[in-house]
Amino acid sequence: MEWEHDIPVFKGVDHDEWKNIPWREIEKRVYKLQKRIYRAAKRGEVRVQRRLHKTLMSS
């Protein structure tokens, strides 16, 4: 990442590619994973919680 006038500038990402990413679907998928993590934590299922968290971080 580079900076121009105190604004981060990301090189190597095409603006059109960025606009064509299905953001709505990604937001839904992330939300569902977060909900599953919350439920697992509430039930005390630490292993499930950690696995889902890793999935979320790597996606």
N, C-alpha and C. Protein backbone atom coordinates (compact mmCIF):
# COMPACT_ATOMS: atom_id res chain seq x y z
N MET A 1 0.84 -1.17 0.00
CA MET A 1 0.00 0.00 0.00
C MET A 1 0.88 1.23 0.00
N GLU A 2 0.51 2.16 -0.82
CA GLU A 2 1.22 3.44 -0.89
C GLU A 2 0.29 4.55 -0.41
N TRP A 3 0.89 5.68 -0.09
CA TRP A 3 0.11 6.81 0.41
C TRP A 3 0.28 8.01 -0.51
N GLU A 4 -0.82 8.68 -0.81
CA GLU A 4 -0.79 9.93 -1.56
C GLU A 4 -1.66 10.93 -0.81
N HIS A 5 -1.06 12.00 -0.32
CA HIS A 5 -1.80 13.04 0.40
C HIS A 5 -2.58 12.46 1.58
N ASP A 6 -1.91 11.61 2.37
CA ASP A 6 -2.50 10.98 3.55
C ASP A 6 -3.69 10.07 3.23
N ILE A 7 -3.77 9.58 1.99
CA ILE A 7 -4.83 8.67 1.58
C ILE A 7 -4.18 7.38 1.08
N PRO A 8 -4.61 6.22 1.60
CA PRO A 8 -4.00 4.97 1.13
C PRO A 8 -4.39 4.69 -0.31
N VAL A 9 -3.39 4.28 -1.09
CA VAL A 9 -3.61 3.95 -2.50
C VAL A 9 -3.15 2.52 -2.70
N PHE A 10 -4.05 1.68 -3.16
CA PHE A 10 -3.73 0.27 -3.39
C PHE A 10 -3.39 0.07 -4.85
N LYS A 11 -2.20 -0.37 -5.10
CA LYS A 11 -1.75 -0.63 -6.46
C LYS A 11 -2.01 -2.09 -6.80
N GLY A 12 -2.30 -2.37 -8.05
CA GLY A 12 -2.48 -3.74 -8.49
C GLY A 12 -3.91 -4.22 -8.48
N VAL A 13 -4.86 -3.40 -8.02
CA VAL A 13 -6.26 -3.79 -8.03
C VAL A 13 -6.98 -2.93 -9.06
N ASP A 14 -7.54 -3.60 -10.05
CA ASP A 14 -8.26 -2.90 -11.11
C ASP A 14 -9.59 -2.39 -10.56
N HIS A 15 -9.88 -1.13 -10.83
CA HIS A 15 -11.09 -0.50 -10.31
C HIS A 15 -12.35 -1.24 -10.80
N ASP A 16 -12.37 -1.65 -12.06
CA ASP A 16 -13.53 -2.36 -12.59
C ASP A 16 -13.71 -3.72 -11.92
N GLU A 17 -12.60 -4.41 -11.66
CA GLU A 17 -12.68 -5.69 -10.95
C GLU A 17 -13.29 -5.48 -9.57
N TRP A 18 -12.84 -4.44 -8.89
CA TRP A 18 -13.30 -4.14 -7.54
C TRP A 18 -14.81 -3.86 -7.55
N LYS A 19 -15.27 -3.12 -8.54
CA LYS A 19 -16.69 -2.78 -8.63
C LYS A 19 -17.54 -4.00 -8.97
N ASN A 20 -16.97 -4.99 -9.65
CA ASN A 20 -17.72 -6.16 -10.09
C ASN A 20 -17.78 -7.29 -9.06
N ILE A 21 -17.16 -7.09 -7.90
CA ILE A 21 -17.22 -8.09 -6.84
C ILE A 21 -18.64 -8.11 -6.28
N PRO A 22 -19.22 -9.30 -6.09
CA PRO A 22 -20.60 -9.38 -5.57
C PRO A 22 -20.64 -9.08 -4.07
N TRP A 23 -20.56 -7.81 -3.71
CA TRP A 23 -20.43 -7.40 -2.31
C TRP A 23 -21.61 -7.85 -1.45
N ARG A 24 -22.80 -7.81 -2.00
CA ARG A 24 -23.99 -8.18 -1.23
C ARG A 24 -23.89 -9.65 -0.79
N GLU A 25 -23.49 -10.52 -1.70
CA GLU A 25 -23.36 -11.94 -1.38
C GLU A 25 -22.26 -12.16 -0.34
N ILE A 26 -21.17 -11.44 -0.47
CA ILE A 26 -20.06 -11.57 0.47
C ILE A 26 -20.49 -11.11 1.86
N GLU A 27 -21.21 -9.99 1.92
CA GLU A 27 -21.70 -9.49 3.21
C GLU A 27 -22.63 -10.51 3.87
N LYS A 28 -23.50 -11.15 3.10
CA LYS A 28 -24.39 -12.16 3.64
C LYS A 28 -23.61 -13.35 4.19
N ARG A 29 -22.61 -13.79 3.41
CA ARG A 29 -21.80 -14.93 3.83
C ARG A 29 -21.04 -14.63 5.13
N VAL A 30 -20.46 -13.43 5.22
CA VAL A 30 -19.73 -13.03 6.42
C VAL A 30 -20.68 -12.94 7.61
N TYR A 31 -21.85 -12.35 7.38
CA TYR A 31 -22.82 -12.22 8.46
C TYR A 31 -23.25 -13.58 9.00
N LYS A 32 -23.49 -14.53 8.09
CA LYS A 32 -23.90 -15.87 8.51
C LYS A 32 -22.80 -16.55 9.33
N LEU A 33 -21.54 -16.38 8.89
CA LEU A 33 -20.43 -16.96 9.65
C LEU A 33 -20.33 -16.31 11.03
N GLN A 34 -20.48 -14.99 11.09
CA GLN A 34 -20.42 -14.30 12.38
C GLN A 34 -21.53 -14.78 13.31
N LYS A 35 -22.71 -15.00 12.74
CA LYS A 35 -23.83 -15.49 13.53
C LYS A 35 -23.54 -16.89 14.07
N ARG A 36 -22.95 -17.75 13.23
CA ARG A 36 -22.61 -19.10 13.68
C ARG A 36 -21.53 -19.06 14.77
N ILE A 37 -20.57 -18.14 14.64
CA ILE A 37 -19.53 -17.99 15.67
C ILE A 37 -20.16 -17.56 16.99
N TYR A 38 -21.07 -16.61 16.92
CA TYR A 38 -21.74 -16.12 18.13
C TYR A 38 -22.52 -17.24 18.81
N ARG A 39 -23.27 -18.01 18.02
CA ARG A 39 -24.05 -19.11 18.59
C ARG A 39 -23.17 -20.17 19.22
N ALA A 40 -22.06 -20.50 18.55
CA ALA A 40 -21.13 -21.49 19.10
C ALA A 40 -20.54 -20.99 20.42
N ALA A 41 -20.19 -19.72 20.47
CA ALA A 41 -19.63 -19.15 21.70
C ALA A 41 -20.66 -19.18 22.83
N LYS A 42 -21.90 -18.88 22.49
CA LYS A 42 -22.96 -18.87 23.48
C LYS A 42 -23.21 -20.26 24.05
N ARG A 43 -23.06 -21.29 23.19
CA ARG A 43 -23.24 -22.68 23.64
C ARG A 43 -21.99 -23.23 24.32
N GLY A 44 -20.90 -22.49 24.25
CA GLY A 44 -19.66 -22.95 24.88
C GLY A 44 -18.86 -23.91 24.02
N GLU A 45 -19.13 -23.95 22.74
CA GLU A 45 -18.42 -24.84 21.81
C GLU A 45 -17.18 -24.13 21.27
N VAL A 46 -16.12 -24.19 22.05
CA VAL A 46 -14.90 -23.44 21.74
C VAL A 46 -14.25 -23.93 20.44
N ARG A 47 -14.20 -25.24 20.25
CA ARG A 47 -13.57 -25.77 19.03
C ARG A 47 -14.30 -25.33 17.78
N VAL A 48 -15.62 -25.39 17.83
CA VAL A 48 -16.43 -24.96 16.68
C VAL A 48 -16.22 -23.47 16.45
N GLN A 49 -16.22 -22.72 17.53
CA GLN A 49 -16.02 -21.28 17.44
C GLN A 49 -14.68 -20.95 16.78
N ARG A 50 -13.62 -21.61 17.22
CA ARG A 50 -12.29 -21.36 16.65
C ARG A 50 -12.22 -21.74 15.17
N ARG A 51 -12.82 -22.88 14.84
CA ARG A 51 -12.81 -23.33 13.44
C ARG A 51 -13.55 -22.34 12.55
N LEU A 52 -14.70 -21.89 13.01
CA LEU A 52 -15.48 -20.92 12.21
C LEU A 52 -14.74 -19.59 12.10
N HIS A 53 -14.09 -19.20 13.19
CA HIS A 53 -13.31 -17.96 13.16
C HIS A 53 -12.17 -18.05 12.15
N LYS A 54 -11.48 -19.19 12.13
CA LYS A 54 -10.41 -19.38 11.15
C LYS A 54 -10.96 -19.33 9.73
N THR A 55 -12.13 -19.95 9.53
CA THR A 55 -12.77 -19.92 8.22
C THR A 55 -13.06 -18.48 7.80
N LEU A 56 -13.59 -17.71 8.74
CA LEU A 56 -13.92 -16.31 8.44
C LEU A 56 -12.67 -15.51 8.11
N MET A 57 -11.61 -15.72 8.86
CA MET A 57 -10.38 -14.96 8.63
C MET A 57 -9.67 -15.34 7.33
N SER A 58 -9.84 -16.56 6.88
CA SER A 58 -9.15 -16.98 5.67
C SER A 58 -9.98 -16.76 4.40
N SER A 59 -11.23 -16.38 4.57
CA SER A 59 -12.07 -16.19 3.39
C SER A 59 -12.00 -14.78 2.85
